[in-house]
N, C-alpha and C. Protein backbone atom coordinates (compact mmCIF):
# COMPACT_ATOMS: atom_id res chain seq x y z
N UNK A 1 -0.30 112.75 73.83
CA UNK A 1 -0.82 111.35 74.34
C UNK A 1 -2.13 110.95 73.25
N UNK A 2 -3.14 111.78 72.89
CA UNK A 2 -4.53 111.20 72.38
C UNK A 2 -3.35 110.58 70.97
N UNK A 3 -2.89 111.62 70.03
CA UNK A 3 -2.20 110.81 68.79
C UNK A 3 -1.79 109.70 68.70
N UNK A 4 -0.54 109.41 70.11
CA UNK A 4 0.07 108.07 70.44
C UNK A 4 -1.04 106.79 70.80
N UNK A 5 -1.85 107.10 71.16
CA UNK A 5 -3.20 106.26 71.77
C UNK A 5 -3.64 106.03 70.41
N UNK A 6 -4.75 106.74 69.55
CA UNK A 6 -5.10 106.27 68.80
C UNK A 6 -4.16 105.81 67.82
N UNK A 7 -3.56 105.99 67.27
CA UNK A 7 -1.90 105.46 66.02
C UNK A 7 -1.96 103.80 66.85
N UNK A 8 -1.84 103.59 68.23
CA UNK A 8 -1.29 102.43 68.56
C UNK A 8 -0.18 102.61 68.95
N UNK A 9 0.39 103.67 69.33
CA UNK A 9 1.96 104.01 69.28
C UNK A 9 2.34 103.92 70.77
N UNK A 10 3.26 103.69 71.60
CA UNK A 10 3.24 103.83 72.58
C UNK A 10 2.92 105.44 73.62
N UNK A 11 2.55 105.46 74.53
CA UNK A 11 1.92 106.70 74.68
C UNK A 11 3.12 107.22 75.65
N UNK A 12 3.88 108.20 74.75
CA UNK A 12 5.14 108.73 75.58
C UNK A 12 5.16 109.74 76.35
N UNK A 13 5.79 109.96 77.99
CA UNK A 13 5.31 110.74 78.59
C UNK A 13 6.66 111.46 78.71
N UNK A 14 6.86 112.74 78.52
CA UNK A 14 8.43 113.59 78.91
C UNK A 14 8.72 113.39 80.34
N UNK A 15 9.90 113.34 80.58
CA UNK A 15 10.61 113.74 81.77
C UNK A 15 10.05 112.47 83.01
N UNK A 16 10.32 112.56 83.76
CA UNK A 16 10.11 111.42 84.73
C UNK A 16 8.31 111.65 85.03
N UNK A 17 7.55 112.26 84.38
CA UNK A 17 6.45 111.73 84.64
C UNK A 17 5.50 112.42 85.63
N UNK A 18 6.37 113.39 86.43
CA UNK A 18 5.87 113.73 87.71
C UNK A 18 5.33 115.44 87.89
N UNK A 19 5.56 116.27 86.52
CA UNK A 19 5.25 117.48 86.21
C UNK A 19 3.83 117.49 86.52
N UNK A 20 3.32 118.10 86.95
CA UNK A 20 1.76 118.41 87.74
C UNK A 20 1.03 119.86 86.70
N UNK A 21 -0.38 118.78 86.16
CA UNK A 21 -1.10 120.34 85.59
C UNK A 21 -2.68 120.16 86.04
N UNK A 22 -2.80 121.09 85.68
CA UNK A 22 -4.87 120.87 86.03
C UNK A 22 -5.25 121.31 84.48
N UNK A 23 -6.21 120.71 84.33
CA UNK A 23 -7.07 119.78 82.97
C UNK A 23 -8.61 120.41 82.89
N UNK A 24 -8.81 121.26 81.71
CA UNK A 24 -10.45 121.42 81.82
C UNK A 24 -11.16 121.67 80.65
N UNK A 25 -11.59 120.83 80.52
CA UNK A 25 -12.70 120.41 79.09
C UNK A 25 -12.91 121.43 78.49
N UNK A 26 -12.29 121.55 77.31
CA UNK A 26 -12.68 122.46 76.38
C UNK A 26 -13.53 123.38 76.45
N UNK A 27 -15.34 122.42 76.10
CA UNK A 27 -16.15 122.74 76.38
C UNK A 27 -16.66 123.81 77.17
N UNK A 28 -16.46 123.54 78.81
CA UNK A 28 -16.57 124.11 80.19
C UNK A 28 -15.50 125.17 79.98
N UNK A 29 -14.28 124.96 79.40
CA UNK A 29 -13.48 126.27 79.25
C UNK A 29 -14.24 127.39 78.49
N UNK A 30 -14.86 127.15 77.25
CA UNK A 30 -15.76 128.18 76.50
C UNK A 30 -16.52 128.73 77.47
N UNK A 31 -17.44 127.42 78.22
CA UNK A 31 -18.66 128.30 79.12
C UNK A 31 -17.84 129.16 80.21
N UNK A 32 -16.94 129.04 80.75
CA UNK A 32 -15.72 129.96 81.79
C UNK A 32 -15.52 130.90 81.12
N UNK A 33 -15.15 131.40 79.72
CA UNK A 33 -14.76 132.04 79.16
C UNK A 33 -16.11 133.68 78.75
N UNK A 34 -17.02 133.17 78.15
CA UNK A 34 -17.85 133.47 78.25
C UNK A 34 -18.81 133.75 79.23
N UNK A 35 -18.63 132.97 80.23
CA UNK A 35 -19.78 133.63 81.18
C UNK A 35 -18.96 135.08 82.32
N UNK A 36 -17.64 134.53 82.12
CA UNK A 36 -16.54 135.64 83.03
C UNK A 36 -16.93 137.21 81.82
N UNK A 37 -16.62 136.62 80.52
CA UNK A 37 -16.74 138.07 79.47
C UNK A 37 -17.91 138.66 79.49
N UNK A 38 -19.50 137.94 79.87
CA UNK A 38 -20.69 138.91 79.78
C UNK A 38 -21.40 139.03 81.20
N UNK A 39 -20.81 138.20 81.90
CA UNK A 39 -21.28 138.34 83.44
C UNK A 39 -20.55 139.34 84.43
N UNK A 40 -19.25 139.44 84.29
CA UNK A 40 -18.65 140.73 85.11
C UNK A 40 -17.88 141.55 84.01
N UNK A 41 -17.75 142.58 85.53
CA UNK A 41 -16.84 143.95 84.63
C UNK A 41 -15.38 143.56 84.26
N UNK A 42 -15.13 144.63 83.36
CA UNK A 42 -13.67 143.79 82.97
C UNK A 42 -12.39 143.82 83.88
N UNK A 43 -12.82 144.66 85.16
CA UNK A 43 -11.73 145.12 85.87
C UNK A 43 -11.56 144.11 86.95
N UNK A 44 -12.64 142.76 87.02
CA UNK A 44 -12.21 141.56 87.67
C UNK A 44 -11.39 140.58 87.00
N UNK A 45 -10.88 139.93 87.73
CA UNK A 45 -9.81 138.86 87.84
C UNK A 45 -10.52 137.58 88.19
N UNK A 46 -10.89 136.32 87.20
CA UNK A 46 -10.50 134.79 87.73
C UNK A 46 -9.61 133.82 87.35
N UNK A 47 -9.52 133.11 88.30
CA UNK A 47 -8.74 132.09 87.65
C UNK A 47 -9.53 131.20 87.18
N UNK A 48 -9.38 130.70 86.09
CA UNK A 48 -9.60 129.67 85.35
C UNK A 48 -8.96 128.20 85.15
N UNK A 49 -9.87 126.96 85.25
CA UNK A 49 -8.92 126.08 85.44
C UNK A 49 -10.21 124.78 86.45
N UNK A 50 -9.35 123.36 86.23
CA UNK A 50 -9.95 122.89 86.90
C UNK A 50 -9.21 123.29 88.49
N UNK A 51 -9.50 122.35 89.65
CA UNK A 51 -9.25 122.42 90.81
C UNK A 51 -8.53 121.49 91.56
N UNK A 52 -8.36 120.60 90.01
CA UNK A 52 -7.62 118.83 90.62
C UNK A 52 -6.64 118.94 89.76
N UNK A 53 -5.56 118.59 90.12
CA UNK A 53 -4.31 118.52 89.24
C UNK A 53 -3.72 116.95 88.87
N UNK A 54 -3.20 116.51 88.33
CA UNK A 54 -3.01 115.21 87.91
C UNK A 54 -1.41 115.22 87.37
N UNK A 55 -0.71 114.46 87.76
CA UNK A 55 0.41 114.41 86.93
C UNK A 55 0.40 113.71 85.62
N UNK A 56 2.21 114.02 84.85
CA UNK A 56 1.46 113.88 83.47
C UNK A 56 1.56 112.28 82.80
N UNK A 57 2.39 111.83 84.24
CA UNK A 57 2.05 110.14 84.05
C UNK A 57 0.89 109.04 84.56
N UNK A 58 0.18 110.08 85.03
CA UNK A 58 -1.32 110.01 85.34
C UNK A 58 -1.85 110.10 84.18
N UNK A 59 -2.17 111.18 83.65
CA UNK A 59 -2.90 111.56 82.47
C UNK A 59 -2.57 110.45 80.94
N UNK A 60 -0.78 110.19 80.94
CA UNK A 60 -1.01 109.39 80.12
C UNK A 60 -1.13 107.97 80.15
N UNK A 61 -1.07 107.68 81.47
CA UNK A 61 -2.09 106.18 81.88
C UNK A 61 -3.24 106.51 81.32
N UNK A 62 -4.15 107.20 81.78
CA UNK A 62 -5.38 107.30 81.64
C UNK A 62 -5.92 107.52 80.05
N UNK A 63 -4.86 107.80 79.17
CA UNK A 63 -5.04 107.76 77.75
C UNK A 63 -5.22 106.81 77.37
N UNK A 64 -3.76 106.33 77.50
CA UNK A 64 -3.59 104.83 77.37
C UNK A 64 -4.77 103.89 77.20
N UNK A 65 -5.13 104.09 78.60
CA UNK A 65 -5.87 102.85 79.04
C UNK A 65 -7.62 103.16 78.47
N UNK A 66 -7.72 103.94 78.31
CA UNK A 66 -9.11 104.65 77.30
C UNK A 66 -9.14 104.29 75.79
N UNK A 67 -7.86 104.56 75.45
CA UNK A 67 -7.91 104.45 73.86
C UNK A 67 -8.28 103.27 73.46
N UNK A 68 -8.23 103.20 72.18
CA UNK A 68 -8.87 101.82 71.30
C UNK A 68 -8.05 100.78 71.24
N UNK A 69 -6.66 101.35 71.33
CA UNK A 69 -5.57 100.40 71.83
C UNK A 69 -5.41 99.87 72.96
N UNK A 70 -4.69 98.82 73.06
CA UNK A 70 -3.84 98.40 74.52
C UNK A 70 -2.14 98.82 74.23
N UNK A 71 -1.38 100.11 74.86
CA UNK A 71 -0.47 100.57 74.18
C UNK A 71 0.08 100.45 75.48
N UNK A 72 1.58 100.53 75.66
CA UNK A 72 2.20 100.92 76.70
C UNK A 72 2.64 102.46 76.71
N UNK A 73 3.12 102.34 78.15
CA UNK A 73 2.79 103.96 78.45
C UNK A 73 5.03 103.79 78.79
N UNK A 74 5.53 104.84 77.80
CA UNK A 74 6.97 104.91 77.97
C UNK A 74 7.74 106.40 78.60
N UNK A 75 8.38 106.06 79.40
CA UNK A 75 8.76 107.37 79.73
C UNK A 75 10.12 108.11 78.70
N UNK A 76 9.94 109.04 78.68
CA UNK A 76 11.10 109.60 77.57
C UNK A 76 12.18 110.45 78.52
N UNK A 77 12.09 110.40 79.46
CA UNK A 77 13.50 110.93 80.04
C UNK A 77 13.49 110.56 81.96
N UNK A 78 14.39 110.70 82.38
CA UNK A 78 14.27 110.29 83.26
C UNK A 78 14.97 111.14 84.66
N UNK A 79 14.71 112.65 84.29
CA UNK A 79 14.99 113.85 85.19
C UNK A 79 14.46 113.65 86.26
N UNK A 80 14.68 113.89 87.44
CA UNK A 80 14.10 114.02 88.37
C UNK A 80 13.38 115.87 88.66
N UNK A 81 12.42 115.59 89.07
CA UNK A 81 11.73 116.69 88.88
C UNK A 81 10.89 117.24 90.45
N UNK A 82 11.01 118.85 90.67
CA UNK A 82 10.23 118.48 92.04
C UNK A 82 8.95 119.61 91.50
N UNK A 83 9.04 119.75 90.37
CA UNK A 83 6.95 119.78 89.99
C UNK A 83 6.29 119.20 90.76
N UNK A 84 6.23 117.75 90.94
CA UNK A 84 5.08 117.33 91.89
C UNK A 84 4.90 118.20 92.91
N UNK A 85 5.62 119.08 93.52
CA UNK A 85 5.62 120.03 94.87
C UNK A 85 4.58 121.21 94.67
N UNK A 86 4.71 121.49 93.26
CA UNK A 86 4.23 122.57 93.34
C UNK A 86 3.09 122.62 91.98
N UNK A 87 2.18 121.49 92.33
CA UNK A 87 1.27 121.25 91.12
C UNK A 87 0.46 122.89 91.04
N UNK A 88 0.30 122.75 89.73
CA UNK A 88 -0.32 124.00 88.94
C UNK A 88 -2.17 123.98 88.94
N UNK A 89 -2.31 124.38 90.71
CA UNK A 89 -3.85 123.83 90.71
C UNK A 89 -4.38 125.48 90.67
N UNK A 90 -5.14 126.23 89.93
CA UNK A 90 -6.17 127.00 90.39
C UNK A 90 -6.88 127.14 91.60
N UNK A 91 -7.03 128.36 92.02
CA UNK A 91 -7.89 128.70 93.02
C UNK A 91 -8.99 129.14 92.44
N UNK A 92 -10.09 128.19 91.89
CA UNK A 92 -11.11 128.74 91.36
C UNK A 92 -12.60 128.93 92.53
N UNK A 93 -11.92 129.35 93.73
CA UNK A 93 -13.35 129.62 94.31
C UNK A 93 -14.11 130.70 94.12
N UNK A 94 -13.59 131.71 93.84
CA UNK A 94 -14.31 133.14 93.64
C UNK A 94 -15.19 132.75 92.22
N UNK A 95 -14.21 132.37 91.14
CA UNK A 95 -15.31 131.98 90.21
C UNK A 95 -16.48 130.72 90.46
N UNK A 96 -16.59 129.96 91.31
CA UNK A 96 -17.48 129.16 91.56
C UNK A 96 -18.85 130.27 92.30
N UNK A 97 -17.88 130.60 93.50
CA UNK A 97 -18.95 131.48 94.37
C UNK A 97 -19.79 132.89 93.93
N UNK A 98 -18.93 133.36 92.68
CA UNK A 98 -19.47 134.39 92.11
C UNK A 98 -19.99 134.40 90.84
N UNK A 99 -19.34 133.56 90.15
CA UNK A 99 -20.41 133.11 89.02
C UNK A 99 -21.43 131.85 88.64
N UNK A 100 -21.15 131.35 89.69
CA UNK A 100 -21.47 129.92 89.71
C UNK A 100 -20.61 128.84 88.64
N UNK A 101 -19.84 129.05 88.39
CA UNK A 101 -18.92 128.35 87.01
C UNK A 101 -18.29 127.00 88.65
N UNK A 102 -18.53 125.78 87.69
CA UNK A 102 -17.87 124.69 87.97
C UNK A 102 -17.66 123.57 86.84
N UNK A 103 -16.66 122.87 87.33
CA UNK A 103 -15.63 121.79 86.47
C UNK A 103 -16.96 121.10 86.27
N UNK A 104 -17.96 120.89 85.30
CA UNK A 104 -18.48 119.90 85.12
C UNK A 104 -18.28 118.49 84.50
N UNK A 105 -17.10 118.76 83.61
CA UNK A 105 -16.57 117.62 82.76
C UNK A 105 -15.80 117.25 83.75
N UNK A 106 -15.83 116.11 84.20
CA UNK A 106 -14.54 115.49 85.17
C UNK A 106 -13.59 114.90 84.21
N UNK A 107 -12.25 114.89 84.53
CA UNK A 107 -11.31 114.72 83.92
C UNK A 107 -11.39 113.27 83.50
N UNK A 108 -11.45 112.05 83.74
CA UNK A 108 -11.79 111.14 82.64
C UNK A 108 -12.71 110.70 81.65
N UNK A 109 -13.81 111.82 82.17
CA UNK A 109 -15.23 111.61 80.97
C UNK A 109 -14.23 112.88 80.32
N UNK A 110 -13.76 113.86 80.67
CA UNK A 110 -12.84 114.48 79.32
C UNK A 110 -12.16 113.87 78.24
N UNK A 111 -11.31 113.14 79.07
CA UNK A 111 -10.06 112.36 78.03
C UNK A 111 -11.34 111.27 77.35
N UNK A 112 -12.15 110.58 77.77
CA UNK A 112 -12.91 109.62 76.79
C UNK A 112 -13.49 110.56 75.50
N UNK A 113 -14.38 111.82 76.02
CA UNK A 113 -14.75 112.75 74.75
C UNK A 113 -13.89 113.15 73.80
N UNK A 114 -12.65 113.39 74.30
CA UNK A 114 -11.73 113.97 73.38
C UNK A 114 -11.12 112.90 72.54
N UNK A 115 -10.96 111.67 72.68
CA UNK A 115 -10.54 110.55 72.44
C UNK A 115 -11.38 110.18 71.20
N UNK A 116 -12.72 110.52 71.80
CA UNK A 116 -13.88 110.02 70.74
C UNK A 116 -13.71 111.04 69.63
N UNK A 117 -13.79 112.27 70.20
CA UNK A 117 -13.61 113.55 68.98
C UNK A 117 -12.56 113.22 68.05
N UNK A 118 -11.50 112.98 68.47
CA UNK A 118 -10.26 112.82 67.37
C UNK A 118 -10.26 111.40 66.99
N UNK A 119 -10.56 110.57 67.56
CA UNK A 119 -10.80 109.17 67.14
C UNK A 119 -11.60 109.25 65.60
N UNK A 120 -12.86 110.09 65.74
CA UNK A 120 -14.11 110.42 64.11
C UNK A 120 -13.15 111.04 63.60
N UNK A 121 -11.97 112.09 63.47
CA UNK A 121 -11.09 112.63 63.12
C UNK A 121 -10.46 112.03 61.87
N UNK A 122 -9.58 111.28 63.13
CA UNK A 122 -9.00 110.69 62.21
C UNK A 122 -9.30 109.47 61.21
N UNK A 123 -10.44 108.90 61.40
CA UNK A 123 -11.54 108.07 60.81
C UNK A 123 -11.65 108.88 59.70
N UNK A 124 -12.46 109.41 59.59
CA UNK A 124 -13.01 110.69 58.59
C UNK A 124 -11.48 111.37 57.19
N UNK A 125 -10.37 111.36 58.22
CA UNK A 125 -8.97 111.46 57.26
C UNK A 125 -8.70 110.67 56.84
N UNK A 126 -8.83 109.10 57.26
CA UNK A 126 -8.52 107.87 56.51
C UNK A 126 -9.53 108.13 55.34
N UNK A 127 -10.60 107.96 55.57
CA UNK A 127 -11.81 107.57 54.67
C UNK A 127 -11.65 108.30 53.26
N UNK A 128 -10.90 109.79 53.44
CA UNK A 128 -10.93 110.86 52.33
C UNK A 128 -9.79 110.55 51.77
N UNK A 129 -8.48 110.01 52.38
CA UNK A 129 -7.26 110.11 51.68
C UNK A 129 -7.69 108.20 50.56
N UNK A 130 -8.41 107.47 51.41
CA UNK A 130 -8.44 106.33 50.29
C UNK A 130 -8.98 106.49 49.22
């Protein structure tokens, strides 16, 4: 999605776009993993991720809307899916309670930051190639 949005191509959503997923910003993930590694015993198990799920279509829409170009959203398939009934959303209550972990970077902010990061990389690569 990020590559499509930055290159000005339509954002292509696979399938019917109803598959659900949980998204955790990479900086938050690093904090989670280091905290689990350093503050707890090796025998403990914690779910890692966000407790908020989004459909692929929603993710594609947000990336397309927040990218530097006005690009359309295109579905690449039309297969019916029951994935929406089974959202991949971890229960992070234990990590919150025992380790004080949170999802600090909300989804839209994570999309903005990721777009900004990759835009800088693409711009740098274009400068080197020129």
